């Protein structure tokens, strides 16, 4: 949960590292925003992974407005293919790969 303490307009920006561990057919992953537990209108995006081992980064931002103290947002994702996941990898010869990086800035 991303809790917004004070009403205003905010930019919620994220990037998510997505990969696919198996399978030979195309598979979609959908990522969208929820506000106070409800799907945020027109926020869903589908990304297609074509093959096993493919990695993509989903990165976009949402401008949202809150009217009450302590409203909250959530990033939601879904795929009907169990081999699609949000990838994280511990540090080895390179730094760790976090599954999601998120930033929130108040713009008004």
PDB file of N, CA and C in Angstrom:
ATOM      1  N   UNK A   1       0.837  -1.193   0.000  1.00  0.00           N
ATOM      2  CA  UNK A   1       0.000   0.000   0.000  1.00  0.00           C
ATOM      3  C   UNK A   1       0.868   1.238   0.000  1.00  0.00           C
ATOM      4  N   UNK A   2       0.428   2.194  -0.785  1.00  0.00           N
ATOM      5  CA  UNK A   2       1.063   3.501  -0.859  1.00  0.00           C
ATOM      6  C   UNK A   2       0.067   4.468  -0.224  1.00  0.00           C
ATOM      7  N   UNK A   3       0.303   4.848   1.010  1.00  0.00           N
ATOM      8  CA  UNK A   3      -0.634   5.696   1.738  1.00  0.00           C
ATOM      9  C   UNK A   3      -0.273   7.161   1.498  1.00  0.00           C
ATOM     10  N   UNK A   4      -1.253   7.940   1.068  1.00  0.00           N
ATOM     11  CA  UNK A   4      -1.088   9.374   0.828  1.00  0.00           C
ATOM     12  C   UNK A   4      -1.661  10.104   2.045  1.00  0.00           C
ATOM     13  N   UNK A   5      -0.790  10.721   2.833  1.00  0.00           N
ATOM     14  CA  UNK A   5      -1.205  11.314   4.104  1.00  0.00           C
ATOM     15  C   UNK A   5      -2.120  12.519   3.929  1.00  0.00           C
ATOM     16  N   UNK A   6      -1.877  13.332   2.892  1.00  0.00           N
ATOM     17  CA  UNK A   6      -2.620  14.577   2.736  1.00  0.00           C
ATOM     18  C   UNK A   6      -3.211  14.676   1.331  1.00  0.00           C
ATOM     19  N   UNK A   7      -4.405  15.243   1.183  1.00  0.00           N
ATOM     20  CA  UNK A   7      -5.019  15.386  -0.141  1.00  0.00           C
ATOM     21  C   UNK A   7      -4.146  16.202  -1.093  1.00  0.00           C
ATOM     22  N   UNK A   8      -4.243  15.873  -2.371  1.00  0.00           N
ATOM     23  CA  UNK A   8      -3.502  16.597  -3.394  1.00  0.00           C
ATOM     24  C   UNK A   8      -3.407  15.785  -4.662  1.00  0.00           C
ATOM     25  N   UNK A   9      -2.584  16.269  -5.589  1.00  0.00           N
ATOM     26  CA  UNK A   9      -2.314  15.562  -6.835  1.00  0.00           C
ATOM     27  C   UNK A   9      -0.899  15.012  -6.751  1.00  0.00           C
ATOM     28  N   UNK A  10      -0.749  13.754  -7.113  1.00  0.00           N
ATOM     29  CA  UNK A  10       0.521  13.050  -6.972  1.00  0.00           C
ATOM     30  C   UNK A  10       0.881  12.343  -8.275  1.00  0.00           C
ATOM     31  N   UNK A  11       2.181  12.199  -8.486  1.00  0.00           N
ATOM     32  CA  UNK A  11       2.711  11.394  -9.571  1.00  0.00           C
ATOM     33  C   UNK A  11       3.249  10.109  -8.945  1.00  0.00           C
ATOM     34  N   UNK A  12       2.639   8.981  -9.290  1.00  0.00           N
ATOM     35  CA  UNK A  12       3.113   7.677  -8.835  1.00  0.00           C
ATOM     36  C   UNK A  12       3.830   7.038 -10.018  1.00  0.00           C
ATOM     37  N   UNK A  13       5.140   6.872  -9.893  1.00  0.00           N
ATOM     38  CA  UNK A  13       5.948   6.308 -10.976  1.00  0.00           C
ATOM     39  C   UNK A  13       6.559   4.986 -10.500  1.00  0.00           C
ATOM     40  N   UNK A  14       6.608   4.020 -11.405  1.00  0.00           N
ATOM     41  CA  UNK A  14       7.212   2.743 -11.027  1.00  0.00           C
ATOM     42  C   UNK A  14       7.898   2.102 -12.220  1.00  0.00           C
ATOM     43  N   UNK A  15       8.771   1.172 -11.905  1.00  0.00           N
ATOM     44  CA  UNK A  15       9.296   0.245 -12.905  1.00  0.00           C
ATOM     45  C   UNK A  15       9.251  -1.144 -12.280  1.00  0.00           C
ATOM     46  N   UNK A  16       8.925  -2.139 -13.093  1.00  0.00           N
ATOM     47  CA  UNK A  16       8.827  -3.522 -12.627  1.00  0.00           C
ATOM     48  C   UNK A  16       9.605  -4.413 -13.581  1.00  0.00           C
ATOM     49  N   UNK A  17      10.498  -5.222 -13.042  1.00  0.00           N
ATOM     50  CA  UNK A  17      11.268  -6.181 -13.836  1.00  0.00           C
ATOM     51  C   UNK A  17      10.447  -7.460 -13.958  1.00  0.00           C
ATOM     52  N   UNK A  18      10.077  -7.823 -15.181  1.00  0.00           N
ATOM     53  CA  UNK A  18       9.221  -8.974 -15.436  1.00  0.00           C
ATOM     54  C   UNK A  18      10.021 -10.008 -16.222  1.00  0.00           C
ATOM     55  N   UNK A  19       9.843 -11.278 -15.891  1.00  0.00           N
ATOM     56  CA  UNK A  19      10.447 -12.311 -16.722  1.00  0.00           C
ATOM     57  C   UNK A  19       9.533 -13.525 -16.771  1.00  0.00           C
ATOM     58  N   UNK A  20       9.960 -14.473 -17.573  1.00  0.00           N
ATOM     59  CA  UNK A  20       9.189 -15.693 -17.787  1.00  0.00           C
ATOM     60  C   UNK A  20      10.134 -16.871 -17.647  1.00  0.00           C
ATOM     61  N   UNK A  21       9.788 -17.822 -16.796  1.00  0.00           N
ATOM     62  CA  UNK A  21      10.706 -18.913 -16.471  1.00  0.00           C
ATOM     63  C   UNK A  21      10.560 -20.139 -17.358  1.00  0.00           C
ATOM     64  N   UNK A  22       9.419 -20.291 -18.036  1.00  0.00           N
ATOM     65  CA  UNK A  22       9.217 -21.458 -18.908  1.00  0.00           C
ATOM     66  C   UNK A  22       8.069 -21.182 -19.867  1.00  0.00           C
ATOM     67  N   UNK A  23       7.889 -22.091 -20.798  1.00  0.00           N
ATOM     68  CA  UNK A  23       6.778 -21.975 -21.743  1.00  0.00           C
ATOM     69  C   UNK A  23       7.234 -21.517 -23.107  1.00  0.00           C
ATOM     70  N   UNK A  24       6.528 -21.956 -24.116  1.00  0.00           N
ATOM     71  CA  UNK A  24       6.924 -21.630 -25.471  1.00  0.00           C
ATOM     72  C   UNK A  24       5.930 -20.789 -26.237  1.00  0.00           C
ATOM     73  N   UNK A  25       4.847 -20.392 -25.615  1.00  0.00           N
ATOM     74  CA  UNK A  25       3.834 -19.590 -26.298  1.00  0.00           C
ATOM     75  C   UNK A  25       3.783 -18.195 -25.673  1.00  0.00           C
ATOM     76  N   UNK A  26       3.206 -17.268 -26.390  1.00  0.00           N
ATOM     77  CA  UNK A  26       3.090 -15.900 -25.884  1.00  0.00           C
ATOM     78  C   UNK A  26       2.184 -15.871 -24.651  1.00  0.00           C
ATOM     79  N   UNK A  27       2.536 -15.007 -23.694  1.00  0.00           N
ATOM     80  CA  UNK A  27       1.733 -14.861 -22.473  1.00  0.00           C
ATOM     81  C   UNK A  27       1.714 -13.395 -22.079  1.00  0.00           C
ATOM     82  N   UNK A  28       0.558 -12.955 -21.604  1.00  0.00           N
ATOM     83  CA  UNK A  28       0.390 -11.559 -21.183  1.00  0.00           C
ATOM     84  C   UNK A  28       0.527 -11.416 -19.677  1.00  0.00           C
ATOM     85  N   UNK A  29       0.940 -10.230 -19.271  1.00  0.00           N
ATOM     86  CA  UNK A  29       0.853  -9.788 -17.888  1.00  0.00           C
ATOM     87  C   UNK A  29       0.163  -8.427 -17.917  1.00  0.00           C
ATOM     88  N   UNK A  30      -0.789  -8.238 -17.038  1.00  0.00           N
ATOM     89  CA  UNK A  30      -1.482  -6.956 -16.913  1.00  0.00           C
ATOM     90  C   UNK A  30      -1.039  -6.292 -15.619  1.00  0.00           C
ATOM     91  N   UNK A  31      -0.809  -4.980 -15.673  1.00  0.00           N
ATOM     92  CA  UNK A  31      -0.436  -4.195 -14.504  1.00  0.00           C
ATOM     93  C   UNK A  31      -1.344  -2.977 -14.466  1.00  0.00           C
ATOM     94  N   UNK A  32      -1.925  -2.692 -13.284  1.00  0.00           N
ATOM     95  CA  UNK A  32      -2.817  -1.551 -13.158  1.00  0.00           C
ATOM     96  C   UNK A  32      -2.732  -0.971 -11.756  1.00  0.00           C
ATOM     97  N   UNK A  33      -3.406   0.123 -11.563  1.00  0.00           N
ATOM     98  CA  UNK A  33      -3.415   0.838 -10.297  1.00  0.00           C
ATOM     99  C   UNK A  33      -4.771   0.670  -9.628  1.00  0.00           C
ATOM    100  N   UNK A  34      -4.764   0.596  -8.295  1.00  0.00           N
ATOM    101  CA  UNK A  34      -6.000   0.571  -7.511  1.00  0.00           C
ATOM    102  C   UNK A  34      -5.952   1.744  -6.535  1.00  0.00           C
ATOM    103  N   UNK A  35      -7.083   2.373  -6.303  1.00  0.00           N
ATOM    104  CA  UNK A  35      -7.202   3.452  -5.328  1.00  0.00           C
ATOM    105  C   UNK A  35      -8.225   3.037  -4.284  1.00  0.00           C
ATOM    106  N   UNK A  36      -7.796   2.998  -3.027  1.00  0.00           N
ATOM    107  CA  UNK A  36      -8.663   2.593  -1.916  1.00  0.00           C
ATOM    108  C   UNK A  36      -9.328   1.241  -2.190  1.00  0.00           C
ATOM    109  N   UNK A  37      -8.570   0.322  -2.789  1.00  0.00           N
ATOM    110  CA  UNK A  37      -9.059  -1.029  -3.045  1.00  0.00           C
ATOM    111  C   UNK A  37      -9.886  -1.206  -4.299  1.00  0.00           C
ATOM    112  N   UNK A  38     -10.090  -0.145  -5.071  1.00  0.00           N
ATOM    113  CA  UNK A  38     -10.920  -0.190  -6.278  1.00  0.00           C
ATOM    114  C   UNK A  38     -10.041   0.061  -7.507  1.00  0.00           C
ATOM    115  N   UNK A  39     -10.265  -0.696  -8.586  1.00  0.00           N
ATOM    116  CA  UNK A  39      -9.495  -0.499  -9.814  1.00  0.00           C
ATOM    117  C   UNK A  39      -9.582   0.950 -10.261  1.00  0.00           C
ATOM    118  N   UNK A  40      -8.426   1.550 -10.552  1.00  0.00           N
ATOM    119  CA  UNK A  40      -8.372   2.936 -11.007  1.00  0.00           C
ATOM    120  C   UNK A  40      -8.720   2.973 -12.494  1.00  0.00           C
ATOM    121  N   UNK A  41      -9.644   3.836 -12.923  1.00  0.00           N
ATOM    122  CA  UNK A  41     -10.099   3.840 -14.321  1.00  0.00           C
ATOM    123  C   UNK A  41      -8.948   4.032 -15.325  1.00  0.00           C
ATOM    124  N   UNK A  42      -9.010   3.295 -16.401  1.00  0.00           N
ATOM    125  CA  UNK A  42      -8.089   3.420 -17.542  1.00  0.00           C
ATOM    126  C   UNK A  42      -6.618   3.312 -17.140  1.00  0.00           C
ATOM    127  N   UNK A  43      -6.313   2.453 -16.163  1.00  0.00           N
ATOM    128  CA  UNK A  43      -4.924   2.335 -15.712  1.00  0.00           C
ATOM    129  C   UNK A  43      -4.263   1.023 -16.103  1.00  0.00           C
ATOM    130  N   UNK A  44      -4.997   0.078 -16.701  1.00  0.00           N
ATOM    131  CA  UNK A  44      -4.447  -1.235 -17.029  1.00  0.00           C
ATOM    132  C   UNK A  44      -3.619  -1.185 -18.310  1.00  0.00           C
ATOM    133  N   UNK A  45      -2.516  -1.924 -18.288  1.00  0.00           N
ATOM    134  CA  UNK A  45      -1.698  -2.099 -19.486  1.00  0.00           C
ATOM    135  C   UNK A  45      -1.304  -3.567 -19.579  1.00  0.00           C
ATOM    136  N   UNK A  46      -1.360  -4.136 -20.768  1.00  0.00           N
ATOM    137  CA  UNK A  46      -0.952  -5.522 -20.997  1.00  0.00           C
ATOM    138  C   UNK A  46       0.386  -5.543 -21.716  1.00  0.00           C
ATOM    139  N   UNK A  47       1.256  -6.412 -21.254  1.00  0.00           N
ATOM    140  CA  UNK A  47       2.563  -6.623 -21.879  1.00  0.00           C
ATOM    141  C   UNK A  47       2.624  -8.088 -22.270  1.00  0.00           C
ATOM    142  N   UNK A  48       3.091  -8.366 -23.476  1.00  0.00           N
ATOM    143  CA  UNK A  48       3.201  -9.737 -23.949  1.00  0.00           C
ATOM    144  C   UNK A  48       4.651 -10.183 -23.916  1.00  0.00           C
ATOM    145  N   UNK A  49       4.876 -11.319 -23.266  1.00  0.00           N
ATOM    146  CA  UNK A  49       6.181 -11.975 -23.275  1.00  0.00           C
ATOM    147  C   UNK A  49       6.098 -13.111 -24.284  1.00  0.00           C
ATOM    148  N   UNK A  50       7.028 -13.148 -25.221  1.00  0.00           N
ATOM    149  CA  UNK A  50       6.941 -14.092 -26.325  1.00  0.00           C
ATOM    150  C   UNK A  50       7.514 -15.467 -26.027  1.00  0.00           C
ATOM    151  N   UNK A  51       8.540 -15.551 -25.169  1.00  0.00           N
ATOM    152  CA  UNK A  51       9.225 -16.830 -25.019  1.00  0.00           C
ATOM    153  C   UNK A  51       9.829 -16.990 -23.634  1.00  0.00           C
ATOM    154  N   UNK A  52      10.215 -18.219 -23.335  1.00  0.00           N
ATOM    155  CA  UNK A  52      10.897 -18.543 -22.097  1.00  0.00           C
ATOM    156  C   UNK A  52      12.176 -17.724 -21.971  1.00  0.00           C
ATOM    157  N   UNK A  53      12.403 -17.166 -20.804  1.00  0.00           N
ATOM    158  CA  UNK A  53      13.628 -16.416 -20.557  1.00  0.00           C
ATOM    159  C   UNK A  53      13.557 -14.954 -20.947  1.00  0.00           C
ATOM    160  N   UNK A  54      12.494 -14.527 -21.606  1.00  0.00           N
ATOM    161  CA  UNK A  54      12.389 -13.127 -21.998  1.00  0.00           C
ATOM    162  C   UNK A  54      12.203 -12.252 -20.761  1.00  0.00           C
ATOM    163  N   UNK A  55      12.895 -11.108 -20.746  1.00  0.00           N
ATOM    164  CA  UNK A  55      12.772 -10.141 -19.665  1.00  0.00           C
ATOM    165  C   UNK A  55      12.347  -8.796 -20.249  1.00  0.00           C
ATOM    166  N   UNK A  56      11.447  -8.115 -19.552  1.00  0.00           N
ATOM    167  CA  UNK A  56      11.020  -6.774 -19.947  1.00  0.00           C
ATOM    168  C   UNK A  56      10.894  -5.923 -18.693  1.00  0.00           C
ATOM    169  N   UNK A  57      10.970  -4.616 -18.889  1.00  0.00           N
ATOM    170  CA  UNK A  57      10.741  -3.681 -17.795  1.00  0.00           C
ATOM    171  C   UNK A  57       9.503  -2.870 -18.131  1.00  0.00           C
ATOM    172  N   UNK A  58       8.517  -2.951 -17.264  1.00  0.00           N
ATOM    173  CA  UNK A  58       7.333  -2.099 -17.377  1.00  0.00           C
ATOM    174  C   UNK A  58       7.626  -0.850 -16.561  1.00  0.00           C
ATOM    175  N   UNK A  59       7.475   0.312 -17.163  1.00  0.00           N
ATOM    176  CA  UNK A  59       7.767   1.555 -16.447  1.00  0.00           C
ATOM    177  C   UNK A  59       6.838   2.642 -16.943  1.00  0.00           C
ATOM    178  N   UNK A  60       6.012   3.139 -16.071  1.00  0.00           N
ATOM    179  CA  UNK A  60       5.152   4.257 -16.416  1.00  0.00           C
ATOM    180  C   UNK A  60       4.729   4.954 -15.148  1.00  0.00           C
ATOM    181  N   UNK A  61       3.938   5.993 -15.301  1.00  0.00           N
ATOM    182  CA  UNK A  61       3.498   6.751 -14.138  1.00  0.00           C
ATOM    183  C   UNK A  61       2.032   7.126 -14.269  1.00  0.00           C
ATOM    184  N   UNK A  62       1.451   7.386 -13.108  1.00  0.00           N
ATOM    185  CA  UNK A  62       0.049   7.763 -13.002  1.00  0.00           C
ATOM    186  C   UNK A  62      -0.038   9.097 -12.272  1.00  0.00           C
ATOM    187  N   UNK A  63      -0.823  10.026 -12.775  1.00  0.00           N
ATOM    188  CA  UNK A  63      -1.135  11.253 -12.041  1.00  0.00           C
ATOM    189  C   UNK A  63      -2.491  11.029 -11.401  1.00  0.00           C
ATOM    190  N   UNK A  64      -2.525  11.102 -10.073  1.00  0.00           N
ATOM    191  CA  UNK A  64      -3.738  10.792  -9.319  1.00  0.00           C
ATOM    192  C   UNK A  64      -4.052  11.935  -8.358  1.00  0.00           C
ATOM    193  N   UNK A  65      -5.320  12.029  -7.982  1.00  0.00           N
ATOM    194  CA  UNK A  65      -5.756  13.050  -7.034  1.00  0.00           C
ATOM    195  C   UNK A  65      -6.457  12.387  -5.864  1.00  0.00           C
ATOM    196  N   UNK A  66      -6.119  12.828  -4.662  1.00  0.00           N
ATOM    197  CA  UNK A  66      -6.807  12.367  -3.469  1.00  0.00           C
ATOM    198  C   UNK A  66      -7.557  13.541  -2.854  1.00  0.00           C
ATOM    199  N   UNK A  67      -8.645  13.236  -2.166  1.00  0.00           N
ATOM    200  CA  UNK A  67      -9.453  14.293  -1.544  1.00  0.00           C
ATOM    201  C   UNK A  67      -9.526  14.155  -0.027  1.00  0.00           C
ATOM    202  N   UNK A  68      -9.065  13.017   0.511  1.00  0.00           N
ATOM    203  CA  UNK A  68      -9.119  12.770   1.948  1.00  0.00           C
ATOM    204  C   UNK A  68      -7.744  12.364   2.474  1.00  0.00           C
ATOM    205  N   UNK A  69      -7.498  12.601   3.748  1.00  0.00           N
ATOM    206  CA  UNK A  69      -6.279  12.117   4.385  1.00  0.00           C
ATOM    207  C   UNK A  69      -6.228  10.590   4.315  1.00  0.00           C
ATOM    208  N   UNK A  70      -5.018  10.062   4.144  1.00  0.00           N
ATOM    209  CA  UNK A  70      -4.732   8.623   4.235  1.00  0.00           C
ATOM    210  C   UNK A  70      -5.447   7.747   3.208  1.00  0.00           C
ATOM    211  N   UNK A  71      -5.738   8.295   2.033  1.00  0.00           N
ATOM    212  CA  UNK A  71      -6.175   7.430   0.945  1.00  0.00           C
ATOM    213  C   UNK A  71      -4.970   6.577   0.538  1.00  0.00           C
ATOM    214  N   UNK A  72      -5.225   5.450  -0.123  1.00  0.00           N
ATOM    215  CA  UNK A  72      -4.097   4.591  -0.490  1.00  0.00           C
ATOM    216  C   UNK A  72      -4.233   4.078  -1.921  1.00  0.00           C
ATOM    217  N   UNK A  73      -3.065   3.731  -2.454  1.00  0.00           N
ATOM    218  CA  UNK A  73      -2.957   3.175  -3.797  1.00  0.00           C
ATOM    219  C   UNK A  73      -2.213   1.852  -3.715  1.00  0.00           C
ATOM    220  N   UNK A  74      -2.461   1.005  -4.700  1.00  0.00           N
ATOM    221  CA  UNK A  74      -1.759  -0.265  -4.815  1.00  0.00           C
ATOM    222  C   UNK A  74      -1.466  -0.522  -6.285  1.00  0.00           C
ATOM    223  N   UNK A  75      -0.322  -1.123  -6.568  1.00  0.00           N
ATOM    224  CA  UNK A  75      -0.049  -1.654  -7.900  1.00  0.00           C
ATOM    225  C   UNK A  75      -0.554  -3.088  -7.909  1.00  0.00           C
ATOM    226  N   UNK A  76      -1.306  -3.442  -8.926  1.00  0.00           N
ATOM    227  CA  UNK A  76      -1.826  -4.799  -9.049  1.00  0.00           C
ATOM    228  C   UNK A  76      -1.307  -5.404 -10.347  1.00  0.00           C
ATOM    229  N   UNK A  77      -1.127  -6.708 -10.360  1.00  0.00           N
ATOM    230  CA  UNK A  77      -0.720  -7.392 -11.589  1.00  0.00           C
ATOM    231  C   UNK A  77      -1.356  -8.768 -11.636  1.00  0.00           C
ATOM    232  N   UNK A  78      -1.497  -9.277 -12.874  1.00  0.00           N
ATOM    233  CA  UNK A  78      -2.126 -10.564 -13.086  1.00  0.00           C
ATOM    234  C   UNK A  78      -1.628 -11.159 -14.393  1.00  0.00           C
ATOM    235  N   UNK A  79      -1.443 -12.462 -14.396  1.00  0.00           N
ATOM    236  CA  UNK A  79      -1.177 -13.219 -15.614  1.00  0.00           C
ATOM    237  C   UNK A  79      -1.801 -14.591 -15.460  1.00  0.00           C
ATOM    238  N   UNK A  80      -2.365 -15.124 -16.545  1.00  0.00           N
ATOM    239  CA  UNK A  80      -2.900 -16.484 -16.466  1.00  0.00           C
ATOM    240  C   UNK A  80      -1.817 -17.525 -16.704  1.00  0.00           C
ATOM    241  N   UNK A  81      -0.598 -17.074 -16.970  1.00  0.00           N
ATOM    242  CA  UNK A  81       0.541 -17.972 -17.189  1.00  0.00           C
ATOM    243  C   UNK A  81       1.389 -18.011 -15.909  1.00  0.00           C
ATOM    244  N   UNK A  82       1.461 -19.163 -15.222  1.00  0.00           N
ATOM    245  CA  UNK A  82       2.188 -19.223 -13.948  1.00  0.00           C
ATOM    246  C   UNK A  82       3.692 -18.985 -14.064  1.00  0.00           C
ATOM    247  N   UNK A  83       4.257 -19.063 -15.263  1.00  0.00           N
ATOM    248  CA  UNK A  83       5.697 -18.847 -15.409  1.00  0.00           C
ATOM    249  C   UNK A  83       6.066 -17.374 -15.560  1.00  0.00           C
ATOM    250  N   UNK A  84       5.074 -16.484 -15.607  1.00  0.00           N
ATOM    251  CA  UNK A  84       5.334 -15.043 -15.664  1.00  0.00           C
ATOM    252  C   UNK A  84       5.422 -14.532 -14.234  1.00  0.00           C
ATOM    253  N   UNK A  85       6.468 -13.745 -13.946  1.00  0.00           N
ATOM    254  CA  UNK A  85       6.644 -13.270 -12.575  1.00  0.00           C
ATOM    255  C   UNK A  85       7.314 -11.902 -12.557  1.00  0.00           C
ATOM    256  N   UNK A  86       7.240 -11.271 -11.399  1.00  0.00           N
ATOM    257  CA  UNK A  86       8.046 -10.081 -11.132  1.00  0.00           C
ATOM    258  C   UNK A  86       9.374 -10.597 -10.591  1.00  0.00           C
ATOM    259  N   UNK A  87      10.430 -10.338 -11.327  1.00  0.00           N
ATOM    260  CA  UNK A  87      11.745 -10.890 -11.024  1.00  0.00           C
ATOM    261  C   UNK A  87      12.461 -10.061  -9.966  1.00  0.00           C
ATOM    262  N   UNK A  88      13.041 -10.723  -9.008  1.00  0.00           N
ATOM    263  CA  UNK A  88      14.069 -10.103  -8.178  1.00  0.00           C
ATOM    264  C   UNK A  88      15.221 -11.088  -8.086  1.00  0.00           C
ATOM    265  N   UNK A  89      16.415 -10.551  -7.999  1.00  0.00           N
ATOM    266  CA  UNK A  89      17.598 -11.410  -7.957  1.00  0.00           C
ATOM    267  C   UNK A  89      18.569 -10.833  -6.943  1.00  0.00           C
ATOM    268  N   UNK A  90      19.115 -11.667  -6.061  1.00  0.00           N
ATOM    269  CA  UNK A  90      20.088 -11.155  -5.095  1.00  0.00           C
ATOM    270  C   UNK A  90      21.381 -10.737  -5.784  1.00  0.00           C
ATOM    271  N   UNK A  91      22.149  -9.925  -5.092  1.00  0.00           N
ATOM    272  CA  UNK A  91      23.431  -9.481  -5.629  1.00  0.00           C
ATOM    273  C   UNK A  91      24.342 -10.687  -5.823  1.00  0.00           C
ATOM    274  N   UNK A  92      25.086 -10.660  -6.921  1.00  0.00           N
ATOM    275  CA  UNK A  92      26.152 -11.640  -7.147  1.00  0.00           C
ATOM    276  C   UNK A  92      27.324 -10.851  -7.702  1.00  0.00           C
ATOM    277  N   UNK A  93      27.634 -10.975  -8.966  1.00  0.00           N
ATOM    278  CA  UNK A  93      28.691 -10.139  -9.546  1.00  0.00           C
ATOM    279  C   UNK A  93      28.163  -8.771  -9.963  1.00  0.00           C
ATOM    280  N   UNK A  94      26.834  -8.587  -9.859  1.00  0.00           N
ATOM    281  CA  UNK A  94      26.191  -7.301 -10.127  1.00  0.00           C
ATOM    282  C   UNK A  94      25.289  -6.969  -8.935  1.00  0.00           C
ATOM    283  N   UNK A  95      24.824  -5.727  -8.817  1.00  0.00           N
ATOM    284  CA  UNK A  95      23.910  -5.396  -7.720  1.00  0.00           C
ATOM    285  C   UNK A  95      22.595  -6.172  -7.816  1.00  0.00           C
ATOM    286  N   UNK A  96      21.868  -6.199  -6.725  1.00  0.00           N
ATOM    287  CA  UNK A  96      20.569  -6.856  -6.666  1.00  0.00           C
ATOM    288  C   UNK A  96      19.609  -6.259  -7.695  1.00  0.00           C
ATOM    289  N   UNK A  97      18.713  -7.078  -8.234  1.00  0.00           N
ATOM    290  CA  UNK A  97      17.633  -6.605  -9.094  1.00  0.00           C
ATOM    291  C   UNK A  97      16.365  -6.588  -8.246  1.00  0.00           C
ATOM    292  N   UNK A  98      15.826  -5.401  -7.931  1.00  0.00           N
ATOM    293  CA  UNK A  98      14.560  -5.364  -7.211  1.00  0.00           C
ATOM    294  C   UNK A  98      13.406  -5.627  -8.181  1.00  0.00           C
ATOM    295  N   UNK A  99      12.346  -6.249  -7.703  1.00  0.00           N
ATOM    296  CA  UNK A  99      11.216  -6.527  -8.591  1.00  0.00           C
ATOM    297  C   UNK A  99      10.483  -5.251  -8.981  1.00  0.00           C
ATOM    298  N   UNK A 100      10.364  -4.299  -8.040  1.00  0.00           N
ATOM    299  CA  UNK A 100       9.654  -3.048  -8.310  1.00  0.00           C
ATOM    300  C   UNK A 100      10.397  -1.891  -7.649  1.00  0.00           C
ATOM    301  N   UNK A 101      10.498  -0.797  -8.377  1.00  0.00           N
ATOM    302  CA  UNK A 101      10.990   0.475  -7.843  1.00  0.00           C
ATOM    303  C   UNK A 101       9.835   1.456  -7.982  1.00  0.00           C
ATOM    304  N   UNK A 102       9.530   2.178  -6.901  1.00  0.00           N
ATOM    305  CA  UNK A 102       8.374   3.061  -6.902  1.00  0.00           C
ATOM    306  C   UNK A 102       8.755   4.411  -6.294  1.00  0.00           C
ATOM    307  N   UNK A 103       8.252   5.481  -6.923  1.00  0.00           N
ATOM    308  CA  UNK A 103       8.474   6.832  -6.440  1.00  0.00           C
ATOM    309  C   UNK A 103       7.152   7.584  -6.441  1.00  0.00           C
ATOM    310  N   UNK A 104       6.893   8.373  -5.395  1.00  0.00           N
ATOM    311  CA  UNK A 104       5.696   9.201  -5.312  1.00  0.00           C
ATOM    312  C   UNK A 104       6.121  10.631  -5.070  1.00  0.00           C
ATOM    313  N   UNK A 105       5.626  11.550  -5.908  1.00  0.00           N
ATOM    314  CA  UNK A 105       5.909  12.980  -5.753  1.00  0.00           C
ATOM    315  C   UNK A 105       4.601  13.752  -5.764  1.00  0.00           C
ATOM    316  N   UNK A 106       4.465  14.676  -4.827  1.00  0.00           N
ATOM    317  CA  UNK A 106       3.289  15.546  -4.854  1.00  0.00           C
ATOM    318  C   UNK A 106       3.534  16.630  -5.900  1.00  0.00           C
ATOM    319  N   UNK A 107       2.566  16.842  -6.791  1.00  0.00           N
ATOM    320  CA  UNK A 107       2.717  17.851  -7.848  1.00  0.00           C
ATOM    321  C   UNK A 107       1.763  19.018  -7.662  1.00  0.00           C
ATOM    322  N   UNK A 108       0.794  18.889  -6.783  1.00  0.00           N
ATOM    323  CA  UNK A 108      -0.108  20.020  -6.474  1.00  0.00           C
ATOM    324  C   UNK A 108      -0.740  19.817  -5.138  1.00  0.00           C
TER     325      UNK A 108
END
